[in-house]
């Protein structure tokens, strides 16, 4: 089931200098740690002067849509899914 939410989360990332990309590795949400096993999709968009990076990522049990605000470097969890149909 897909849930749209908008909550701040802690995200641990790695920067790979060879390919010059950032990869989310762990999401901490509601006190639980979810290791990222796959980054499926990454895109960017602007609202005014603010650039947002959107990552669709997968953990062993859940799918997350994470958004990074580049003005304040805050991460938010926008959507979560367990993979089941509604």
N, C-alpha and C. Protein backbone atom coordinates (compact mmCIF):
# COMPACT_ATOMS: atom_id res chain seq x y z
N UNK A 1 0.83 -1.16 0.00
CA UNK A 1 0.00 0.00 0.00
C UNK A 1 0.89 1.24 0.00
N UNK A 2 0.58 2.18 -0.84
CA UNK A 2 1.33 3.43 -0.96
C UNK A 2 0.74 4.46 -0.01
N UNK A 3 1.61 5.08 0.80
CA UNK A 3 1.19 6.14 1.71
C UNK A 3 1.97 7.40 1.38
N UNK A 4 1.26 8.50 1.20
CA UNK A 4 1.91 9.79 1.01
C UNK A 4 2.04 10.45 2.37
N UNK A 5 3.28 10.74 2.75
CA UNK A 5 3.56 11.42 4.01
C UNK A 5 4.62 12.47 3.73
N UNK A 6 4.85 13.33 4.67
CA UNK A 6 5.91 14.32 4.52
C UNK A 6 6.51 14.55 5.90
N UNK A 7 7.52 13.75 6.23
CA UNK A 7 8.15 13.83 7.54
C UNK A 7 9.67 13.92 7.38
N UNK A 8 10.32 14.64 8.28
CA UNK A 8 11.79 14.68 8.22
C UNK A 8 12.38 13.34 8.63
N UNK A 9 13.44 12.95 7.96
CA UNK A 9 14.13 11.69 8.27
C UNK A 9 15.63 11.92 8.25
N UNK A 10 16.34 10.99 8.87
CA UNK A 10 17.79 10.99 8.83
C UNK A 10 18.21 10.07 7.69
N UNK A 11 19.10 10.56 6.83
CA UNK A 11 19.59 9.76 5.71
C UNK A 11 21.11 9.79 5.73
N UNK A 12 21.71 8.62 5.69
CA UNK A 12 23.16 8.50 5.58
C UNK A 12 23.49 8.24 4.11
N UNK A 13 24.44 9.02 3.59
CA UNK A 13 24.78 8.94 2.16
C UNK A 13 26.27 8.70 1.97
N UNK A 14 26.59 8.24 0.77
CA UNK A 14 27.97 8.10 0.34
C UNK A 14 28.13 8.82 -0.99
N UNK A 15 29.26 9.52 -1.13
CA UNK A 15 29.59 10.17 -2.39
C UNK A 15 30.67 9.35 -3.07
N UNK A 16 30.41 8.94 -4.31
CA UNK A 16 31.39 8.19 -5.10
C UNK A 16 32.09 9.18 -6.03
N UNK A 17 33.35 9.52 -5.75
CA UNK A 17 34.04 10.52 -6.57
C UNK A 17 34.34 10.06 -7.99
N UNK A 18 34.40 8.75 -8.21
CA UNK A 18 34.68 8.26 -9.55
C UNK A 18 33.55 8.58 -10.52
N UNK A 19 32.32 8.43 -10.06
CA UNK A 19 31.17 8.71 -10.93
C UNK A 19 30.47 10.01 -10.53
N UNK A 20 30.98 10.66 -9.47
CA UNK A 20 30.47 11.95 -8.98
C UNK A 20 28.98 11.90 -8.68
N UNK A 21 28.58 10.87 -7.89
CA UNK A 21 27.18 10.70 -7.51
C UNK A 21 27.06 10.42 -6.03
N UNK A 22 25.91 10.81 -5.48
CA UNK A 22 25.58 10.56 -4.09
C UNK A 22 24.60 9.40 -4.04
N UNK A 23 24.82 8.48 -3.10
CA UNK A 23 23.95 7.33 -2.93
C UNK A 23 23.44 7.26 -1.49
N UNK A 24 22.13 7.33 -1.29
CA UNK A 24 21.61 7.10 0.06
C UNK A 24 21.90 5.66 0.48
N UNK A 25 22.33 5.47 1.73
CA UNK A 25 22.66 4.13 2.21
C UNK A 25 21.74 3.64 3.31
N UNK A 26 21.29 4.56 4.18
CA UNK A 26 20.44 4.19 5.31
C UNK A 26 19.42 5.29 5.54
N UNK A 27 18.18 4.89 5.81
CA UNK A 27 17.12 5.82 6.21
C UNK A 27 16.73 5.47 7.63
N UNK A 28 16.69 6.47 8.50
CA UNK A 28 16.21 6.27 9.87
C UNK A 28 14.88 7.01 9.98
N UNK A 29 13.83 6.23 10.21
CA UNK A 29 12.47 6.75 10.28
C UNK A 29 11.77 6.14 11.48
N UNK A 30 11.19 6.98 12.30
CA UNK A 30 10.49 6.55 13.51
C UNK A 30 11.34 5.63 14.37
N UNK A 31 12.61 5.96 14.49
CA UNK A 31 13.51 5.20 15.35
C UNK A 31 14.03 3.89 14.79
N UNK A 32 13.61 3.54 13.58
CA UNK A 32 14.09 2.30 12.94
C UNK A 32 15.02 2.64 11.80
N UNK A 33 16.01 1.81 11.61
CA UNK A 33 17.00 1.98 10.57
C UNK A 33 16.68 1.05 9.40
N UNK A 34 16.63 1.60 8.20
CA UNK A 34 16.32 0.83 7.00
C UNK A 34 17.51 0.94 6.03
N UNK A 35 18.29 -0.14 5.87
CA UNK A 35 19.39 -0.09 4.91
C UNK A 35 18.85 -0.07 3.48
N UNK A 36 19.44 0.78 2.65
CA UNK A 36 19.02 0.90 1.25
C UNK A 36 19.74 -0.17 0.44
N UNK A 37 18.96 -0.99 -0.25
CA UNK A 37 19.54 -2.05 -1.06
C UNK A 37 19.58 -1.68 -2.55
N UNK A 38 18.76 -0.69 -2.93
CA UNK A 38 18.71 -0.31 -4.35
C UNK A 38 18.22 1.13 -4.48
N UNK A 39 18.92 1.90 -5.33
CA UNK A 39 18.44 3.22 -5.71
C UNK A 39 17.85 3.06 -7.10
N UNK A 40 16.53 3.22 -7.19
CA UNK A 40 15.86 2.94 -8.45
C UNK A 40 15.80 4.11 -9.39
N UNK A 41 15.56 5.31 -8.88
CA UNK A 41 15.33 6.46 -9.74
C UNK A 41 15.78 7.71 -9.01
N UNK A 42 16.41 8.62 -9.73
CA UNK A 42 16.82 9.90 -9.16
C UNK A 42 16.49 10.98 -10.17
N UNK A 43 15.84 12.03 -9.70
CA UNK A 43 15.62 13.19 -10.56
C UNK A 43 15.64 14.45 -9.71
N UNK A 44 15.65 15.60 -10.37
CA UNK A 44 15.71 16.88 -9.70
C UNK A 44 14.61 17.78 -10.23
N UNK A 45 14.20 18.72 -9.40
CA UNK A 45 13.27 19.76 -9.83
C UNK A 45 13.51 21.01 -9.00
N UNK A 46 13.03 22.13 -9.51
CA UNK A 46 13.17 23.40 -8.81
C UNK A 46 11.81 23.96 -8.44
N UNK A 47 11.77 24.57 -7.27
CA UNK A 47 10.64 25.39 -6.88
C UNK A 47 11.24 26.74 -6.52
N UNK A 48 11.01 27.74 -7.37
CA UNK A 48 11.70 29.01 -7.20
C UNK A 48 13.18 28.80 -7.40
N UNK A 49 13.96 29.23 -6.43
CA UNK A 49 15.42 29.06 -6.51
C UNK A 49 15.90 27.78 -5.84
N UNK A 50 15.01 27.05 -5.19
CA UNK A 50 15.40 25.86 -4.44
C UNK A 50 15.42 24.63 -5.33
N UNK A 51 16.54 23.92 -5.31
CA UNK A 51 16.69 22.68 -6.05
C UNK A 51 16.42 21.51 -5.12
N UNK A 52 15.60 20.57 -5.57
CA UNK A 52 15.26 19.38 -4.81
C UNK A 52 15.76 18.14 -5.57
N UNK A 53 16.36 17.21 -4.84
CA UNK A 53 16.76 15.92 -5.40
C UNK A 53 15.78 14.88 -4.86
N UNK A 54 15.24 14.06 -5.75
CA UNK A 54 14.28 13.04 -5.38
C UNK A 54 14.89 11.67 -5.67
N UNK A 55 14.88 10.81 -4.66
CA UNK A 55 15.42 9.46 -4.79
C UNK A 55 14.31 8.46 -4.50
N UNK A 56 14.10 7.52 -5.39
CA UNK A 56 13.24 6.36 -5.13
C UNK A 56 14.16 5.22 -4.76
N UNK A 57 14.02 4.74 -3.51
CA UNK A 57 14.95 3.74 -3.00
C UNK A 57 14.18 2.56 -2.41
N UNK A 58 14.90 1.48 -2.25
CA UNK A 58 14.31 0.23 -1.77
C UNK A 58 15.13 -0.30 -0.60
N UNK A 59 14.43 -0.74 0.44
CA UNK A 59 15.06 -1.48 1.53
C UNK A 59 14.54 -2.92 1.41
N UNK A 60 15.01 -3.84 2.25
CA UNK A 60 14.50 -5.22 2.13
C UNK A 60 12.99 -5.34 2.28
N UNK A 61 12.34 -4.42 3.01
CA UNK A 61 10.91 -4.58 3.26
C UNK A 61 10.04 -3.43 2.74
N UNK A 62 10.62 -2.27 2.42
CA UNK A 62 9.83 -1.10 2.05
C UNK A 62 10.46 -0.34 0.88
N UNK A 63 9.62 0.45 0.22
CA UNK A 63 10.06 1.39 -0.81
C UNK A 63 9.86 2.79 -0.26
N UNK A 64 10.83 3.69 -0.52
CA UNK A 64 10.77 5.05 -0.03
C UNK A 64 10.95 6.04 -1.16
N UNK A 65 10.30 7.19 -1.05
CA UNK A 65 10.57 8.34 -1.91
C UNK A 65 11.15 9.42 -1.01
N UNK A 66 12.44 9.69 -1.18
CA UNK A 66 13.16 10.65 -0.35
C UNK A 66 13.42 11.92 -1.13
N UNK A 67 13.33 13.06 -0.45
CA UNK A 67 13.57 14.34 -1.10
C UNK A 67 14.59 15.12 -0.28
N UNK A 68 15.63 15.60 -0.97
CA UNK A 68 16.65 16.44 -0.36
C UNK A 68 16.47 17.87 -0.81
N UNK A 69 16.27 18.78 0.14
CA UNK A 69 16.19 20.21 -0.14
C UNK A 69 17.61 20.75 -0.10
N UNK A 70 18.12 21.27 -1.21
CA UNK A 70 19.52 21.70 -1.26
C UNK A 70 19.75 23.06 -0.61
N UNK A 71 18.69 23.80 -0.31
CA UNK A 71 18.88 25.08 0.40
C UNK A 71 19.27 24.84 1.85
N UNK A 72 18.58 23.92 2.52
CA UNK A 72 18.85 23.70 3.94
C UNK A 72 19.44 22.31 4.21
N UNK A 73 19.61 21.49 3.19
CA UNK A 73 20.15 20.14 3.28
C UNK A 73 19.33 19.23 4.19
N UNK A 74 18.03 19.46 4.23
CA UNK A 74 17.13 18.62 5.01
C UNK A 74 16.52 17.55 4.11
N UNK A 75 16.41 16.34 4.67
CA UNK A 75 15.79 15.22 3.98
C UNK A 75 14.36 15.06 4.48
N UNK A 76 13.46 14.69 3.57
CA UNK A 76 12.10 14.35 3.98
C UNK A 76 11.67 13.07 3.27
N UNK A 77 10.84 12.32 3.97
CA UNK A 77 10.25 11.11 3.43
C UNK A 77 8.88 11.50 2.91
N UNK A 78 8.67 11.38 1.60
CA UNK A 78 7.42 11.83 0.97
C UNK A 78 6.43 10.70 0.73
N UNK A 79 6.94 9.51 0.43
CA UNK A 79 6.08 8.36 0.18
C UNK A 79 6.75 7.10 0.72
N UNK A 80 5.91 6.17 1.10
CA UNK A 80 6.40 4.86 1.56
C UNK A 80 5.42 3.79 1.04
N UNK A 81 5.97 2.65 0.68
CA UNK A 81 5.14 1.55 0.19
C UNK A 81 5.72 0.22 0.65
N UNK A 82 4.82 -0.71 0.94
CA UNK A 82 5.25 -2.05 1.30
C UNK A 82 5.21 -2.99 0.10
N UNK A 83 4.85 -2.47 -1.07
CA UNK A 83 4.82 -3.28 -2.28
C UNK A 83 3.49 -3.97 -2.55
N UNK A 84 2.59 -3.95 -1.58
CA UNK A 84 1.28 -4.57 -1.75
C UNK A 84 0.35 -3.60 -2.47
N UNK A 85 -0.60 -4.12 -3.23
CA UNK A 85 -1.58 -3.25 -3.89
C UNK A 85 -2.59 -2.75 -2.87
N UNK A 86 -3.16 -1.58 -3.17
CA UNK A 86 -4.11 -0.95 -2.25
C UNK A 86 -5.37 -1.69 -2.11
